[in-house]
Amino acid sequence: MRWRTLVIIVGAVAAVVVLVVAASFAYPYVRGTEYVNEGVALEHPLAIPPLLEPAIVNGEKVFSLTAKSGRTELMPGAASETAGYNGTLLGPTIRAHRGERVRVEVNNELGETTTVHWHGMHLPAIMDGGPHQPIPPGNTWSPHWTVNNAAATLWYHPHTMGKTAEQVYSGLAGMFIVDDENSDALGLPNIYGVDDIPLIVQDRNFDDTGNLTYVRDKAQDNFGAMGDTILVNGTHGPYLDVPKQLIRLRVLNASNARRYDFGFSDGRPFRQIATDGGLLEAPVERTRMLLSPGERAEIIVDMSQTDQPVTLMSHEIQGAAPMMHLMRTLSVGDNDEYQIFKILELRPQGTAATPGELPARLNTIAPLRAEDAARTRLFAMTDRMSINAKPMDHARIDEVVTKDDIEIWEIDNREALFYHPFHIHDVQFQILDRDGRPPSDYERGWKDTVVVNPLEKVRVIARFSDYADPHTPYMYHCHILEHEDMGMMGQFVVVEHPSDETSVVSPLDGTTGTDHGHGH
């Protein structure tokens, strides 16, 4: 027994010594802030994804998307292997109005199975584009639904079982903009590509020859892929000529794992007008804005009194855990959240317009009341491979929700080092509190993805309305894409009645899974 105790003590001391030595080498990376692309000239015109024109068939807007592989020059003189929709990188912007019937003909020419998930969209589970709606190579999938979302900046991307991270990283992503009668009447900047600008922000890695690289190993899976090169709409070192007036930026964090703390180079204030799922009740003035993977926000910046270029930046993340940076440095390299990046240079052009006024009132948001919730569910995040200690199983139903119920979901991040952006399919929710504290003004809108910081509990509330299907699940998961692929994901079905029998009917393996018992 004494020898065993001695061995344990010696092992513990050795571990501490190794950690101290490693920390001494890694210290500059762990504690120092690095301005990664300070020397990069912002000299390439920002690519604006084209608006996808639909055909009108029997009163239905029919959009066509073809997912395919190809080669794209992302860095000068180097053509990387990429993938995109209707092209070799990213996809066109789909735009529809609330109440319109839409259909999307998705053709798969990738050479491997994929899916297309309509992130943030409220629609039937069978149309959601999650893992249970795979599109084999050479096949076409034709989801169709009536748009029932408020005006918002949504997006679409693969949700392929075990392959989401790599497929998104390769370039498969695009925006889906929804308009409604309220947004039509507000007089906000709305000329697409001129004063209403989509910004798909992603970090990527390139090898010495300028070719896009993606490394998949256990260390990378644990932390999520982070890169040292920023692409906006697929453009490296971008600038955009803008009129001297109010400019609307629709910002999407489409990165695999990186958070961004956005702000302008001259510290100018901007006004946030929307969150993931729609317009806020009123504009919120800010100078910094943190977005985690999957989150979106719309901001207004006044360029009417500006003669010189202004750069949108991402600053280092305040309050990030130093030990996480140490562990990341030792395992996967220098890319972490102690980094500063130039994102996009805005170059004002022409004659200044009269400074525009934003409406004092943008939207009416009826708060969901905690006392009206039918139940509270707990989702414990304890490692990168599971939720509630259950890794993803496509044949298992984890939660059963009754249609039209209001529920509180409590996301409890029990990890001391990692944040997790938690995404729920189908619904837009409201944040009730963070560790018992009410959300900030800029988080009081509709959300479908919420960042949960280390050792933090976030309670959200949602109504699960309109659609029920006891055999086709929706997903909930961490939106660090490598974490999702590793199994940090679960499934829920919505049923008409609590007594309804549930089972998973899925083409993933050609079998019917069974409900494992959930007390419904």
Protein backbone atom coordinates (compact mmCIF):
# COMPACT_ATOMS: atom_id res chain seq x y z
CA MET A 1 0.00 0.00 0.00
CA ARG A 2 2.87 2.37 0.86
CA TRP A 3 4.51 1.72 -2.51
CA ARG A 4 1.20 2.41 -4.30
CA THR A 5 0.79 5.70 -2.39
CA LEU A 6 4.37 6.67 -3.20
CA VAL A 7 3.83 5.94 -6.91
CA ILE A 8 0.70 8.12 -6.94
CA ILE A 9 2.52 10.99 -5.22
CA VAL A 10 5.49 10.78 -7.58
CA GLY A 11 3.18 10.63 -10.59
CA ALA A 12 1.26 13.68 -9.42
CA VAL A 13 4.47 15.66 -8.84
CA ALA A 14 5.76 14.65 -12.28
CA ALA A 15 2.51 15.79 -13.90
CA VAL A 16 2.77 19.17 -12.20
CA VAL A 17 6.40 19.56 -13.31
CA VAL A 18 5.48 18.71 -16.91
CA LEU A 19 2.62 21.19 -16.85
CA VAL A 20 4.81 23.95 -15.42
CA VAL A 21 7.55 23.34 -17.99
CA ALA A 22 5.02 23.23 -20.81
CA ALA A 23 3.40 26.41 -19.55
CA SER A 24 6.76 28.19 -19.53
CA PHE A 25 7.22 27.41 -23.22
CA ALA A 26 3.61 28.17 -24.09
CA TYR A 27 3.34 31.28 -21.91
CA PRO A 28 3.63 33.87 -24.70
CA TYR A 29 0.81 32.19 -26.57
CA VAL A 30 -1.35 31.70 -23.52
CA ARG A 31 -1.04 35.21 -22.11
CA GLY A 32 -0.12 37.37 -25.08
CA THR A 33 -2.62 38.82 -27.55
CA GLU A 34 -1.62 38.29 -31.18
CA TYR A 35 -2.70 40.57 -34.04
CA VAL A 36 -2.69 37.76 -36.55
CA ASN A 37 -3.35 39.46 -39.89
CA GLU A 38 -2.03 42.93 -39.15
CA GLY A 39 0.16 42.81 -42.27
CA VAL A 40 -2.61 41.65 -44.61
CA ALA A 41 -3.74 44.33 -47.05
CA LEU A 42 -7.51 44.52 -47.44
CA GLU A 43 -7.38 44.90 -51.20
CA HIS A 44 -9.77 42.32 -52.65
CA PRO A 45 -13.36 43.34 -53.48
CA LEU A 46 -15.78 41.56 -51.20
CA ALA A 47 -17.71 38.87 -53.07
CA ILE A 48 -21.46 39.26 -52.61
CA PRO A 49 -23.32 35.94 -52.91
CA PRO A 50 -25.89 36.33 -55.70
CA LEU A 51 -29.59 36.26 -54.91
CA LEU A 52 -31.05 32.97 -56.10
CA GLU A 53 -33.93 33.59 -58.50
CA PRO A 54 -36.80 31.10 -58.12
CA ALA A 55 -39.18 29.69 -60.67
CA ILE A 56 -42.85 30.14 -59.83
CA VAL A 57 -44.71 26.83 -60.17
CA ASN A 58 -48.38 26.63 -59.12
CA GLY A 59 -47.90 29.55 -56.75
CA GLU A 60 -44.81 28.02 -55.18
CA LYS A 61 -41.34 29.57 -55.26
CA VAL A 62 -39.00 26.83 -56.47
CA PHE A 63 -35.29 27.34 -55.84
CA SER A 64 -32.58 25.08 -57.30
CA LEU A 65 -29.37 24.23 -55.45
CA THR A 66 -26.65 21.89 -56.65
CA ALA A 67 -24.00 20.84 -54.16
CA LYS A 68 -20.73 20.08 -55.92
CA SER A 69 -16.99 19.98 -55.47
CA GLY A 70 -14.47 22.03 -57.39
CA ARG A 71 -11.40 24.20 -57.11
CA THR A 72 -11.37 27.81 -55.93
CA GLU A 73 -8.56 30.34 -55.78
CA LEU A 74 -8.82 31.50 -52.19
CA MET A 75 -5.19 32.58 -51.86
CA PRO A 76 -3.36 34.18 -54.81
CA GLY A 77 -2.06 31.61 -57.27
CA ALA A 78 -3.37 28.55 -55.43
CA ALA A 79 -6.54 26.67 -56.35
CA SER A 80 -7.89 24.81 -53.31
CA GLU A 81 -10.26 21.87 -53.30
CA THR A 82 -13.57 23.30 -52.13
CA ALA A 83 -17.32 22.70 -52.33
CA GLY A 84 -20.31 24.94 -52.81
CA TYR A 85 -23.89 25.28 -53.98
CA ASN A 86 -24.33 26.32 -57.63
CA GLY A 87 -20.60 27.03 -57.65
CA THR A 88 -17.38 25.88 -56.07
CA LEU A 89 -17.62 27.85 -52.80
CA LEU A 90 -20.50 28.82 -50.51
CA GLY A 91 -23.94 29.28 -52.02
CA PRO A 92 -26.35 31.90 -53.30
CA THR A 93 -28.60 33.81 -50.92
CA ILE A 94 -32.17 32.56 -50.84
CA ARG A 95 -34.76 35.23 -50.04
CA ALA A 96 -38.44 34.68 -49.29
CA HIS A 97 -41.35 36.44 -47.60
CA ARG A 98 -43.29 35.16 -44.63
CA GLY A 99 -46.35 33.30 -45.84
CA GLU A 100 -44.83 32.24 -49.16
CA ARG A 101 -44.72 28.59 -50.18
CA VAL A 102 -41.20 27.54 -51.09
CA ARG A 103 -39.59 24.41 -52.46
CA VAL A 104 -35.85 23.79 -52.82
CA GLU A 105 -34.62 21.25 -55.35
CA VAL A 106 -31.29 20.12 -53.86
CA ASN A 107 -29.11 18.09 -56.23
CA ASN A 108 -26.10 16.26 -54.81
CA GLU A 109 -23.10 16.12 -57.14
CA LEU A 110 -20.51 15.95 -54.35
CA GLY A 111 -19.63 12.29 -54.69
CA GLU A 112 -20.59 11.67 -51.05
CA THR A 113 -23.76 11.85 -49.00
CA THR A 114 -24.78 15.25 -47.66
CA THR A 115 -27.79 17.02 -46.18
CA VAL A 116 -28.98 20.63 -46.21
CA HIS A 117 -30.28 21.99 -42.91
CA TRP A 118 -32.32 25.23 -42.86
CA HIS A 119 -30.76 26.68 -39.73
CA GLY A 120 -33.27 28.73 -37.74
CA MET A 121 -36.28 27.84 -39.89
CA HIS A 122 -39.57 26.76 -38.32
CA LEU A 123 -40.75 23.88 -40.50
CA PRO A 124 -41.82 20.20 -40.39
CA ALA A 125 -39.15 17.81 -39.10
CA ILE A 126 -39.15 15.84 -42.36
CA MET A 127 -38.11 19.05 -44.19
CA ASP A 128 -35.52 20.15 -41.62
CA GLY A 129 -32.49 18.71 -43.39
CA GLY A 130 -30.92 17.08 -40.38
CA PRO A 131 -29.11 13.73 -40.37
CA HIS A 132 -32.36 11.87 -41.07
CA GLN A 133 -32.77 13.50 -44.49
CA PRO A 134 -29.57 12.31 -46.24
CA ILE A 135 -29.08 12.99 -49.94
CA PRO A 136 -26.98 10.22 -51.53
CA PRO A 137 -24.64 11.12 -54.40
CA GLY A 138 -26.54 11.69 -57.61
CA ASN A 139 -29.88 12.14 -55.84
CA THR A 140 -32.24 15.09 -55.46
CA TRP A 141 -34.11 16.14 -52.31
CA SER A 142 -37.13 18.46 -52.60
CA PRO A 143 -38.18 19.89 -49.24
CA HIS A 144 -41.14 22.24 -49.32
CA TRP A 145 -42.88 24.32 -46.68
CA THR A 146 -44.71 27.59 -46.03
CA VAL A 147 -42.36 30.18 -44.57
CA ASN A 148 -43.59 30.85 -41.05
CA ASN A 149 -40.68 32.83 -39.62
CA ALA A 150 -40.55 36.51 -38.83
CA ALA A 151 -38.08 38.61 -40.81
CA ALA A 152 -34.63 37.27 -40.00
CA THR A 153 -31.18 36.32 -41.24
CA LEU A 154 -31.11 32.52 -41.35
CA TRP A 155 -28.68 30.21 -43.14
CA TYR A 156 -28.31 26.76 -44.64
CA HIS A 157 -25.51 24.22 -44.36
CA PRO A 158 -24.86 20.45 -44.24
CA HIS A 159 -25.91 18.46 -41.21
CA THR A 160 -24.47 15.11 -42.31
CA MET A 161 -23.91 12.51 -39.62
CA GLY A 162 -20.24 12.64 -38.65
CA LYS A 163 -19.29 14.84 -41.64
CA THR A 164 -20.81 18.25 -40.85
CA ALA A 165 -17.54 19.89 -39.78
CA GLU A 166 -15.58 18.88 -42.86
CA GLN A 167 -18.39 19.68 -45.32
CA VAL A 168 -19.02 23.15 -43.89
CA TYR A 169 -15.28 23.80 -43.75
CA SER A 170 -14.98 22.92 -47.44
CA GLY A 171 -17.36 25.75 -48.32
CA LEU A 172 -20.93 24.44 -48.08
CA ALA A 173 -22.96 27.28 -46.54
CA GLY A 174 -25.28 30.07 -47.60
CA MET A 175 -27.73 32.66 -46.26
CA PHE A 176 -31.52 32.45 -46.21
CA ILE A 177 -33.13 35.86 -45.66
CA VAL A 178 -36.76 36.12 -44.59
CA ASP A 179 -38.79 39.33 -44.94
CA ASP A 180 -42.21 40.15 -43.53
CA GLU A 181 -44.74 42.99 -43.48
CA ASN A 182 -43.16 44.54 -40.40
CA SER A 183 -39.65 44.65 -41.85
CA ASP A 184 -41.01 45.94 -45.17
CA ALA A 185 -42.49 49.00 -43.41
CA LEU A 186 -39.51 50.03 -41.26
CA GLY A 187 -37.43 51.81 -43.91
CA LEU A 188 -34.26 49.95 -42.93
CA PRO A 189 -31.41 49.71 -45.47
CA ASN A 190 -32.60 46.94 -47.80
CA ILE A 191 -30.79 47.17 -51.14
CA TYR A 192 -29.04 43.82 -51.19
CA GLY A 193 -25.30 44.11 -51.76
CA VAL A 194 -25.36 47.93 -51.61
CA ASP A 195 -26.51 49.02 -48.17
CA ASP A 196 -27.76 45.63 -46.95
CA ILE A 197 -24.68 43.42 -46.86
CA PRO A 198 -24.40 39.68 -46.11
CA LEU A 199 -21.20 38.78 -44.24
CA ILE A 200 -20.37 35.07 -43.91
CA VAL A 201 -17.33 35.09 -41.61
CA GLN A 202 -15.10 32.02 -41.43
CA ASP A 203 -11.57 31.22 -40.28
CA ARG A 204 -9.50 28.76 -42.28
CA ASN A 205 -6.00 27.27 -42.46
CA PHE A 206 -3.76 27.10 -45.53
CA ASP A 207 -0.53 25.23 -46.16
CA ASP A 208 2.71 26.77 -47.39
CA THR A 209 1.53 26.58 -51.01
CA GLY A 210 -1.70 28.47 -50.26
CA ASN A 211 -4.03 25.47 -50.38
CA LEU A 212 -6.91 25.06 -47.94
CA THR A 213 -6.23 22.43 -45.29
CA TYR A 214 -8.41 20.64 -42.76
CA VAL A 215 -6.91 18.37 -40.13
CA ARG A 216 -9.17 15.88 -38.38
CA ASP A 217 -7.64 14.23 -35.33
CA LYS A 218 -8.60 13.71 -31.69
CA ALA A 219 -6.98 16.93 -30.49
CA GLN A 220 -8.68 18.97 -33.19
CA ASP A 221 -12.00 17.30 -32.42
CA ASN A 222 -11.68 18.20 -28.73
CA PHE A 223 -11.10 21.88 -29.40
CA GLY A 224 -12.76 22.43 -32.76
CA ALA A 225 -11.02 23.70 -35.89
CA MET A 226 -9.64 27.23 -35.70
CA GLY A 227 -7.68 28.91 -38.47
CA ASP A 228 -5.30 31.84 -38.79
CA THR A 229 -6.81 33.21 -42.02
CA ILE A 230 -10.13 35.04 -42.25
CA LEU A 231 -12.46 34.69 -45.22
CA VAL A 232 -15.59 36.82 -45.62
CA ASN A 233 -17.99 35.49 -48.23
CA GLY A 234 -14.99 33.43 -49.33
CA THR A 235 -12.85 36.54 -49.89
CA HIS A 236 -9.42 36.92 -48.30
CA GLY A 237 -8.42 40.47 -47.37
CA PRO A 238 -11.77 42.01 -48.38
CA TYR A 239 -12.93 45.59 -48.80
CA LEU A 240 -16.30 46.97 -49.81
CA ASP A 241 -17.23 50.33 -51.32
CA VAL A 242 -20.31 51.61 -49.49
CA PRO A 243 -22.45 54.75 -49.84
CA LYS A 244 -22.14 57.46 -47.19
CA GLN A 245 -25.29 56.55 -45.28
CA LEU A 246 -26.60 53.98 -42.85
CA ILE A 247 -25.24 50.54 -43.75
CA ARG A 248 -26.82 47.27 -42.62
CA LEU A 249 -24.50 44.33 -42.01
CA ARG A 250 -25.98 40.84 -41.65
CA VAL A 251 -23.20 39.06 -39.76
CA LEU A 252 -23.10 35.25 -39.70
CA ASN A 253 -20.48 33.34 -37.76
CA ALA A 254 -20.14 30.30 -40.03
CA SER A 255 -16.86 29.15 -38.50
CA ASN A 256 -16.43 25.66 -37.10
CA ALA A 257 -15.36 26.70 -33.61
CA ARG A 258 -14.13 30.30 -33.35
CA ARG A 259 -15.98 33.06 -31.53
CA TYR A 260 -15.57 36.64 -32.77
CA ASP A 261 -15.73 39.85 -30.75
CA PHE A 262 -16.68 42.32 -33.49
CA GLY A 263 -16.06 46.06 -33.33
CA PHE A 264 -14.76 48.84 -35.57
CA SER A 265 -11.16 49.99 -35.81
CA ASP A 266 -11.99 53.54 -34.70
CA GLY A 267 -14.17 52.38 -31.82
CA ARG A 268 -17.30 53.89 -33.36
CA PRO A 269 -20.61 52.74 -31.97
CA PHE A 270 -23.05 50.73 -34.02
CA ARG A 271 -26.60 49.68 -33.35
CA GLN A 272 -27.66 46.07 -33.20
CA ILE A 273 -31.14 45.63 -34.67
CA ALA A 274 -31.58 41.85 -34.83
CA THR A 275 -30.57 38.53 -33.31
CA ASP A 276 -30.69 35.04 -34.83
CA GLY A 277 -34.45 34.86 -35.23
CA GLY A 278 -35.48 38.42 -36.01
CA LEU A 279 -35.59 42.08 -35.15
CA LEU A 280 -35.13 43.32 -31.61
CA GLU A 281 -37.85 45.49 -30.12
CA ALA A 282 -35.54 48.51 -30.32
CA PRO A 283 -32.01 49.22 -31.57
CA VAL A 284 -29.25 48.61 -29.01
CA GLU A 285 -26.11 50.75 -29.21
CA ARG A 286 -22.88 48.80 -28.85
CA THR A 287 -19.16 49.00 -29.59
CA ARG A 288 -18.44 45.25 -29.34
CA MET A 289 -20.48 42.18 -30.29
CA LEU A 290 -19.59 38.58 -29.46
CA LEU A 291 -20.90 35.90 -31.82
CA SER A 292 -20.30 32.18 -31.42
CA PRO A 293 -20.55 29.62 -34.25
CA GLY A 294 -24.04 29.50 -35.73
CA GLU A 295 -25.15 32.85 -34.31
CA ARG A 296 -26.24 35.78 -36.45
CA ALA A 297 -26.80 39.47 -35.78
CA GLU A 298 -27.79 42.47 -37.85
CA ILE A 299 -26.10 45.79 -37.13
CA ILE A 300 -26.38 49.31 -38.49
CA VAL A 301 -23.27 51.46 -38.87
CA ASP A 302 -23.48 55.13 -39.86
CA MET A 303 -21.02 55.90 -42.67
CA SER A 304 -22.57 59.27 -43.62
CA GLN A 305 -19.93 61.39 -41.87
CA THR A 306 -16.93 59.21 -42.71
CA ASP A 307 -14.33 60.03 -45.38
CA GLN A 308 -11.70 57.45 -44.50
CA PRO A 309 -11.97 53.65 -44.62
CA VAL A 310 -13.19 51.95 -41.46
CA THR A 311 -12.29 48.36 -40.64
CA LEU A 312 -14.54 45.83 -38.98
CA MET A 313 -12.34 43.96 -36.50
CA SER A 314 -12.51 40.91 -34.28
CA HIS A 315 -10.82 41.39 -30.93
CA GLU A 316 -9.51 38.87 -28.43
CA ILE A 317 -12.17 37.24 -26.28
CA GLN A 318 -12.27 38.78 -22.83
CA GLY A 319 -12.46 36.41 -19.89
CA ALA A 320 -11.54 33.27 -21.84
CA ALA A 321 -10.00 30.54 -19.70
CA PRO A 322 -6.16 30.75 -19.78
CA MET A 323 -5.84 27.00 -19.17
CA MET A 324 -7.83 26.33 -22.35
CA HIS A 325 -5.32 28.40 -24.31
CA LEU A 326 -2.45 26.49 -22.73
CA MET A 327 -4.03 23.13 -23.54
CA ARG A 328 -4.83 24.20 -27.07
CA THR A 329 -1.31 25.50 -27.65
CA LEU A 330 0.20 22.22 -26.44
CA SER A 331 -2.14 20.03 -28.50
CA VAL A 332 -3.18 21.73 -31.74
CA GLY A 333 -1.07 24.86 -32.12
CA ASP A 334 -1.25 28.58 -31.64
CA ASN A 335 -4.76 29.40 -32.88
CA ASP A 336 -6.95 30.34 -29.94
CA GLU A 337 -9.13 33.21 -28.75
CA TYR A 338 -6.28 35.55 -27.73
CA GLN A 339 -6.13 36.77 -31.32
CA ILE A 340 -7.10 39.94 -33.18
CA PHE A 341 -8.15 39.95 -36.83
CA LYS A 342 -9.07 42.47 -39.47
CA ILE A 343 -12.37 41.30 -40.97
CA LEU A 344 -13.54 43.80 -43.62
CA GLU A 345 -12.66 47.33 -44.71
CA LEU A 346 -15.60 49.64 -45.49
CA ARG A 347 -14.68 52.38 -47.95
CA PRO A 348 -17.17 55.28 -48.05
CA GLN A 349 -17.97 56.61 -51.52
CA GLY A 350 -19.92 59.52 -53.00
CA THR A 351 -21.79 62.38 -51.40
CA ALA A 352 -22.88 62.07 -47.82
CA ALA A 353 -26.56 61.41 -47.33
CA THR A 354 -28.53 63.15 -44.62
CA PRO A 355 -27.87 61.13 -41.48
CA GLY A 356 -30.62 58.55 -41.33
CA GLU A 357 -32.77 57.79 -38.34
CA LEU A 358 -33.61 54.32 -37.19
CA PRO A 359 -37.13 53.65 -35.95
CA ALA A 360 -37.30 53.76 -32.16
CA ARG A 361 -39.51 50.70 -32.34
CA LEU A 362 -38.49 47.78 -34.57
CA ASN A 363 -40.64 44.91 -33.41
CA THR A 364 -43.11 43.66 -30.85
CA ILE A 365 -41.93 40.61 -28.95
CA ALA A 366 -44.41 38.99 -26.60
CA PRO A 367 -42.39 37.51 -23.72
CA LEU A 368 -42.91 33.84 -22.95
CA ARG A 369 -43.58 33.47 -19.23
CA ALA A 370 -41.77 30.92 -17.11
CA GLU A 371 -44.96 30.24 -15.15
CA ASP A 372 -46.65 29.06 -18.38
CA ALA A 373 -44.04 26.37 -19.02
CA ALA A 374 -45.33 22.81 -19.03
CA ARG A 375 -41.98 21.52 -17.84
CA THR A 376 -38.26 22.25 -17.48
CA ARG A 377 -35.68 19.99 -19.12
CA LEU A 378 -32.01 19.84 -18.12
CA PHE A 379 -29.21 19.46 -20.67
CA ALA A 380 -25.86 18.88 -18.98
CA MET A 381 -22.73 19.50 -21.05
CA THR A 382 -20.01 17.49 -19.35
CA ASP A 383 -17.63 16.57 -22.18
CA ARG A 384 -17.22 17.07 -25.91
CA MET A 385 -18.83 13.76 -26.80
CA SER A 386 -22.25 13.82 -25.14
CA ILE A 387 -25.18 15.71 -23.67
CA ASN A 388 -26.63 14.35 -20.42
CA ALA A 389 -23.88 11.70 -20.62
CA LYS A 390 -25.43 10.22 -23.79
CA PRO A 391 -23.49 10.41 -27.04
CA MET A 392 -25.66 10.87 -30.13
CA ASP A 393 -27.56 7.77 -31.27
CA HIS A 394 -29.62 8.30 -34.41
CA ALA A 395 -32.05 5.52 -33.41
CA ARG A 396 -32.74 6.93 -29.92
CA ILE A 397 -35.33 9.58 -29.08
CA ASP A 398 -33.93 11.62 -26.20
CA GLU A 399 -36.84 13.96 -25.53
CA VAL A 400 -40.56 13.94 -26.38
CA VAL A 401 -42.31 17.31 -26.52
CA THR A 402 -46.06 17.86 -26.83
CA LYS A 403 -47.14 20.22 -29.59
CA ASP A 404 -48.03 23.76 -28.49
CA ASP A 405 -46.38 23.30 -25.10
CA ILE A 406 -44.13 26.01 -23.74
CA GLU A 407 -41.00 24.54 -22.20
CA ILE A 408 -37.93 25.79 -20.36
CA TRP A 409 -34.66 24.20 -21.39
CA GLU A 410 -31.81 24.65 -18.92
CA ILE A 411 -28.40 24.23 -20.52
CA ASP A 412 -25.81 23.53 -17.84
CA ASN A 413 -22.21 23.74 -19.03
CA ARG A 414 -20.33 21.84 -16.35
CA GLU A 415 -16.98 22.13 -18.09
CA ALA A 416 -14.47 24.60 -16.70
CA LEU A 417 -12.54 25.13 -19.93
CA PHE A 418 -14.92 25.02 -22.91
CA TYR A 419 -17.80 27.15 -24.04
CA HIS A 420 -20.60 25.54 -26.05
CA PRO A 421 -22.98 27.28 -28.48
CA PHE A 422 -26.24 25.36 -28.01
CA HIS A 423 -28.57 25.18 -31.04
CA ILE A 424 -32.16 23.92 -31.06
CA HIS A 425 -33.77 23.02 -34.38
CA ASP A 426 -37.28 24.16 -35.38
CA VAL A 427 -37.90 26.80 -32.70
CA GLN A 428 -36.83 30.31 -31.92
CA PHE A 429 -36.47 30.75 -28.16
CA GLN A 430 -36.06 33.56 -25.66
CA ILE A 431 -33.30 33.67 -23.04
CA LEU A 432 -34.73 33.74 -19.53
CA ASP A 433 -31.50 34.15 -17.61
CA ARG A 434 -27.79 33.43 -17.33
CA ASP A 435 -26.93 32.02 -13.91
CA GLY A 436 -30.09 33.67 -12.65
CA ARG A 437 -29.32 37.07 -14.21
CA PRO A 438 -31.62 38.48 -16.90
CA PRO A 439 -30.19 38.72 -20.41
CA SER A 440 -28.68 41.93 -21.76
CA ASP A 441 -30.80 44.09 -24.06
CA TYR A 442 -29.09 42.70 -27.16
CA GLU A 443 -30.06 39.13 -26.15
CA ARG A 444 -33.75 39.89 -25.59
CA GLY A 445 -34.75 38.92 -29.10
CA TRP A 446 -35.52 35.56 -30.71
CA LYS A 447 -32.63 33.12 -30.73
CA ASP A 448 -31.93 29.61 -32.00
CA THR A 449 -28.29 29.41 -30.85
CA VAL A 450 -26.98 30.56 -27.50
CA VAL A 451 -23.43 30.51 -26.20
CA VAL A 452 -23.08 28.86 -22.80
CA ASN A 453 -19.86 29.82 -21.08
CA PRO A 454 -17.78 27.50 -18.88
CA LEU A 455 -19.58 26.59 -15.64
CA GLU A 456 -22.61 28.65 -16.68
CA LYS A 457 -26.31 27.76 -16.68
CA VAL A 458 -28.54 29.36 -19.29
CA ARG A 459 -32.30 28.95 -19.27
CA VAL A 460 -34.23 29.43 -22.50
CA ILE A 461 -37.97 29.21 -23.14
CA ALA A 462 -39.78 28.21 -26.35
CA ARG A 463 -43.15 27.20 -27.69
CA PHE A 464 -43.15 24.04 -29.83
CA SER A 465 -45.99 24.88 -32.19
CA ASP A 466 -47.51 23.83 -35.52
CA TYR A 467 -45.68 20.63 -36.44
CA ALA A 468 -45.81 17.17 -34.91
CA ASP A 469 -44.21 13.96 -36.13
CA PRO A 470 -43.63 11.02 -33.74
CA HIS A 471 -41.16 9.36 -36.11
CA THR A 472 -38.90 12.17 -37.39
CA PRO A 473 -36.67 13.90 -34.84
CA TYR A 474 -35.31 17.41 -34.68
CA MET A 475 -31.78 17.94 -33.32
CA TYR A 476 -30.28 19.91 -30.46
CA HIS A 477 -26.51 20.13 -30.25
CA CYS A 478 -23.33 22.07 -29.68
CA HIS A 479 -22.61 24.18 -32.77
CA ILE A 480 -18.86 23.70 -32.51
CA LEU A 481 -19.05 21.43 -35.51
CA GLU A 482 -16.39 18.96 -34.42
CA HIS A 483 -18.21 18.55 -31.08
CA GLU A 484 -21.44 17.87 -32.96
CA ASP A 485 -19.75 15.26 -35.12
CA MET A 486 -18.22 13.59 -32.06
CA GLY A 487 -21.65 13.06 -30.51
CA MET A 488 -22.54 16.22 -28.58
CA MET A 489 -26.03 16.09 -30.04
CA GLY A 490 -29.44 14.75 -29.11
CA GLN A 491 -32.86 14.33 -30.70
CA PHE A 492 -36.41 15.29 -29.83
CA VAL A 493 -39.75 14.60 -31.44
CA VAL A 494 -42.89 16.70 -31.18
CA VAL A 495 -46.12 14.75 -30.71
CA GLU A 496 -49.80 15.71 -30.90
CA HIS A 497 -50.65 13.97 -27.62
CA PRO A 498 -48.47 12.84 -24.71
CA SER A 499 -49.69 9.26 -25.16
CA ASP A 500 -48.59 9.01 -28.81
CA GLU A 501 -46.22 6.15 -29.58
CA THR A 502 -42.84 7.29 -30.85
CA SER A 503 -40.08 5.64 -32.85
CA VAL A 504 -37.41 6.81 -35.26
CA VAL A 505 -38.05 5.98 -38.90
CA SER A 506 -34.87 6.92 -40.71
CA PRO A 507 -33.09 6.04 -43.95
CA LEU A 508 -29.73 6.28 -42.17
CA ASP A 509 -29.52 2.52 -41.75
CA GLY A 510 -32.78 1.33 -43.27
CA THR A 511 -34.16 0.34 -39.87
CA THR A 512 -36.75 1.66 -37.49
CA GLY A 513 -35.41 2.64 -34.10
CA THR A 514 -37.53 2.47 -30.98
CA ASP A 515 -38.36 4.90 -28.25
CA HIS A 516 -36.28 4.03 -25.19
CA GLY A 517 -38.78 5.35 -22.69
CA HIS A 518 -39.04 8.96 -21.61
CA GLY A 519 -41.99 9.11 -19.29
CA HIS A 520 -44.24 10.89 -21.73
